[in-house]
Structure formats: structure tokens, C-alpha cells
Amino acid sequence: MVAFVFLVAAWAIISGGLMMAAGFRLNISHGRWWLVLGGLCSLIYGALLIAMPLIGAVVLTWWMGAYALVFGISLTILSFQLRYRDQHAVTPNNAGTPA
């Protein structure tokens, strides 16, 4: 069971680091901080699992649920911001049309 906890921790740390790197490369007006927040939550989750693997094995389902909730909310907000940005983008086709 502890090996599974470390596997989940490694996944959370790697995916969190990659999400933060992608977030810092994203334009700030596209919702950078929501992607960075999701990556930070993933890093914290992985660090907590590594710091307390036995407690993590016992309460893994609670931690995973809380992580999924925060992570899901941050990515949902990011998706709405990107959708809004895409719908209101100025392109050569709609540059001269009235709003």
C-alpha cells in the first residue's frame, strides 16, 4: 500500500511541475494563474504524500477527493477563461464588424 502512495505522490509531483511550467509559459491574460494554482495544488499533494506516507495510506481517499475537487475547480475556471478569450479574440475576419 505504501508503494502505491509513493506512486501517486510521484505522479502528483511530476504532473504539478509540468503544469506549473506550462502555466508560466501561458499568456497572463489567458488564465495563467489558474493553471499555476492547479500545478501548485498537485505539488503540495505529492509533498504531503511523501512526507506522511503511512497517514497518506490511511486517508488517501480523502486527500485524493480534496485534491480532485481543488484541481477540477481550477481547471474548470481556466477552461471558461480560455473559451471566453477564444470567443472574443480579434481576428482579421471580425476586426471591422460591430459587436
C-alpha atoms as a PDB file:
ATOM      1  CA  MET A   1       0.000   0.000   0.000  1.00  0.00           C
ATOM      2  CA  VAL A   2       2.867   2.387   0.761  1.00  0.00           C
ATOM      3  CA  ALA A   3       4.298   1.755  -2.709  1.00  0.00           C
ATOM      4  CA  PHE A   4       1.002   2.920  -4.203  1.00  0.00           C
ATOM      5  CA  VAL A   5       1.154   6.061  -2.048  1.00  0.00           C
ATOM      6  CA  PHE A   6       4.636   6.836  -3.375  1.00  0.00           C
ATOM      7  CA  LEU A   7       3.476   6.147  -6.934  1.00  0.00           C
ATOM      8  CA  VAL A   8       0.592   8.605  -6.551  1.00  0.00           C
ATOM      9  CA  ALA A   9       2.974  11.118  -4.935  1.00  0.00           C
ATOM     10  CA  ALA A  10       5.433  10.843  -7.834  1.00  0.00           C
ATOM     11  CA  TRP A  11       2.611  11.277 -10.345  1.00  0.00           C
ATOM     12  CA  ALA A  12       1.318  14.349  -8.492  1.00  0.00           C
ATOM     13  CA  ILE A  13       4.751  15.964  -8.280  1.00  0.00           C
ATOM     14  CA  ILE A  14       5.626  15.322 -11.931  1.00  0.00           C
ATOM     15  CA  SER A  15       2.259  16.468 -13.264  1.00  0.00           C
ATOM     16  CA  GLY A  16       2.297  19.500 -10.941  1.00  0.00           C
ATOM     17  CA  GLY A  17       5.746  20.544 -12.108  1.00  0.00           C
ATOM     18  CA  LEU A  18       4.764  20.187 -15.751  1.00  0.00           C
ATOM     19  CA  MET A  19       1.550  22.134 -15.204  1.00  0.00           C
ATOM     20  CA  MET A  20       3.397  24.956 -13.466  1.00  0.00           C
ATOM     21  CA  ALA A  21       5.931  25.092 -16.301  1.00  0.00           C
ATOM     22  CA  ALA A  22       3.091  25.234 -18.827  1.00  0.00           C
ATOM     23  CA  GLY A  23       1.304  27.848 -16.722  1.00  0.00           C
ATOM     24  CA  PHE A  24       4.287  30.174 -16.674  1.00  0.00           C
ATOM     25  CA  ARG A  25       4.593  29.873 -20.451  1.00  0.00           C
ATOM     26  CA  LEU A  26       0.902  30.732 -20.911  1.00  0.00           C
ATOM     27  CA  ASN A  27      -0.081  34.324 -21.534  1.00  0.00           C
ATOM     28  CA  ILE A  28      -1.213  36.005 -18.314  1.00  0.00           C
ATOM     29  CA  SER A  29      -4.475  37.149 -19.901  1.00  0.00           C
ATOM     30  CA  HIS A  30      -5.330  33.556 -20.837  1.00  0.00           C
ATOM     31  CA  GLY A  31      -5.649  32.466 -17.201  1.00  0.00           C
ATOM     32  CA  ARG A  32      -2.065  31.668 -16.278  1.00  0.00           C
ATOM     33  CA  TRP A  33      -2.649  31.712 -12.543  1.00  0.00           C
ATOM     34  CA  TRP A  34      -5.409  29.105 -12.615  1.00  0.00           C
ATOM     35  CA  LEU A  35      -3.097  26.619 -14.301  1.00  0.00           C
ATOM     36  CA  VAL A  36      -0.304  27.521 -11.888  1.00  0.00           C
ATOM     37  CA  LEU A  37      -2.725  27.059  -8.968  1.00  0.00           C
ATOM     38  CA  GLY A  38      -3.636  23.585 -10.204  1.00  0.00           C
ATOM     39  CA  GLY A  39       0.039  22.688 -10.511  1.00  0.00           C
ATOM     40  CA  LEU A  40       0.797  24.068  -7.063  1.00  0.00           C
ATOM     41  CA  CYS A  41      -2.025  22.025  -5.546  1.00  0.00           C
ATOM     42  CA  SER A  42      -0.621  18.955  -7.247  1.00  0.00           C
ATOM     43  CA  LEU A  43       2.865  19.646  -5.882  1.00  0.00           C
ATOM     44  CA  ILE A  44       1.532  20.153  -2.357  1.00  0.00           C
ATOM     45  CA  TYR A  45      -0.492  16.957  -2.597  1.00  0.00           C
ATOM     46  CA  GLY A  46       2.560  14.976  -3.702  1.00  0.00           C
ATOM     47  CA  ALA A  47       4.723  16.517  -0.983  1.00  0.00           C
ATOM     48  CA  LEU A  48       2.146  15.649   1.686  1.00  0.00           C
ATOM     49  CA  LEU A  49       2.020  12.056   0.497  1.00  0.00           C
ATOM     50  CA  ILE A  50       5.809  11.759   0.612  1.00  0.00           C
ATOM     51  CA  ALA A  51       6.075  13.488   3.997  1.00  0.00           C
ATOM     52  CA  MET A  52       3.427  11.279   5.610  1.00  0.00           C
ATOM     53  CA  PRO A  53       3.182   8.019   3.639  1.00  0.00           C
ATOM     54  CA  LEU A  54       1.565   5.932   6.376  1.00  0.00           C
ATOM     55  CA  ILE A  55      -1.043   8.554   7.158  1.00  0.00           C
ATOM     56  CA  GLY A  56      -1.402   9.039   3.422  1.00  0.00           C
ATOM     57  CA  ALA A  57      -2.171   5.334   3.020  1.00  0.00           C
ATOM     58  CA  VAL A  58      -4.950   5.597   5.577  1.00  0.00           C
ATOM     59  CA  VAL A  59      -6.535   8.807   4.330  1.00  0.00           C
ATOM     60  CA  LEU A  60      -5.559   8.545   0.664  1.00  0.00           C
ATOM     61  CA  THR A  61      -9.165   8.597  -0.472  1.00  0.00           C
ATOM     62  CA  TRP A  62      -9.909  11.788   1.465  1.00  0.00           C
ATOM     63  CA  TRP A  63      -6.781  13.519   0.202  1.00  0.00           C
ATOM     64  CA  MET A  64      -7.438  12.347  -3.341  1.00  0.00           C
ATOM     65  CA  GLY A  65     -11.009  13.650  -3.176  1.00  0.00           C
ATOM     66  CA  ALA A  66      -9.908  17.048  -1.868  1.00  0.00           C
ATOM     67  CA  TYR A  67      -7.155  17.226  -4.471  1.00  0.00           C
ATOM     68  CA  ALA A  68      -9.556  16.314  -7.267  1.00  0.00           C
ATOM     69  CA  LEU A  69     -12.029  18.947  -6.095  1.00  0.00           C
ATOM     70  CA  VAL A  70      -9.494  21.803  -5.982  1.00  0.00           C
ATOM     71  CA  PHE A  71      -7.752  20.670  -9.158  1.00  0.00           C
ATOM     72  CA  GLY A  72     -11.029  20.275 -11.018  1.00  0.00           C
ATOM     73  CA  ILE A  73     -12.317  23.688  -9.980  1.00  0.00           C
ATOM     74  CA  SER A  74      -9.117  25.432 -11.029  1.00  0.00           C
ATOM     75  CA  LEU A  75      -9.061  23.706 -14.432  1.00  0.00           C
ATOM     76  CA  THR A  76     -12.763  24.416 -14.980  1.00  0.00           C
ATOM     77  CA  ILE A  77     -12.225  28.119 -14.333  1.00  0.00           C
ATOM     78  CA  LEU A  78      -9.214  28.052 -16.668  1.00  0.00           C
ATOM     79  CA  SER A  79     -11.287  26.398 -19.395  1.00  0.00           C
ATOM     80  CA  PHE A  80     -14.017  29.041 -19.113  1.00  0.00           C
ATOM     81  CA  GLN A  81     -11.428  31.809 -19.307  1.00  0.00           C
ATOM     82  CA  LEU A  82      -9.822  30.269 -22.389  1.00  0.00           C
ATOM     83  CA  ARG A  83     -13.222  29.773 -24.016  1.00  0.00           C
ATOM     84  CA  TYR A  84     -14.179  33.386 -23.330  1.00  0.00           C
ATOM     85  CA  ARG A  85     -10.830  34.538 -24.674  1.00  0.00           C
ATOM     86  CA  ASP A  86     -11.272  32.462 -27.826  1.00  0.00           C
ATOM     87  CA  GLN A  87     -14.796  33.754 -28.468  1.00  0.00           C
ATOM     88  CA  HIS A  88     -13.764  37.382 -28.035  1.00  0.00           C
ATOM     89  CA  ALA A  89     -10.477  37.240 -29.885  1.00  0.00           C
ATOM     90  CA  VAL A  90      -9.904  39.873 -32.563  1.00  0.00           C
ATOM     91  CA  THR A  91      -9.143  38.192 -35.852  1.00  0.00           C
ATOM     92  CA  PRO A  92      -8.899  39.647 -39.357  1.00  0.00           C
ATOM     93  CA  ASN A  93     -12.378  38.258 -40.098  1.00  0.00           C
ATOM     94  CA  ASN A  94     -14.153  40.070 -37.263  1.00  0.00           C
ATOM     95  CA  ALA A  95     -11.924  43.131 -36.818  1.00  0.00           C
ATOM     96  CA  GLY A  96     -14.232  45.526 -38.690  1.00  0.00           C
ATOM     97  CA  THR A  97     -17.617  44.123 -37.642  1.00  0.00           C
ATOM     98  CA  PRO A  98     -19.596  45.852 -34.921  1.00  0.00           C
ATOM     99  CA  ALA A  99     -20.086  43.998 -31.662  1.00  0.00           C
END
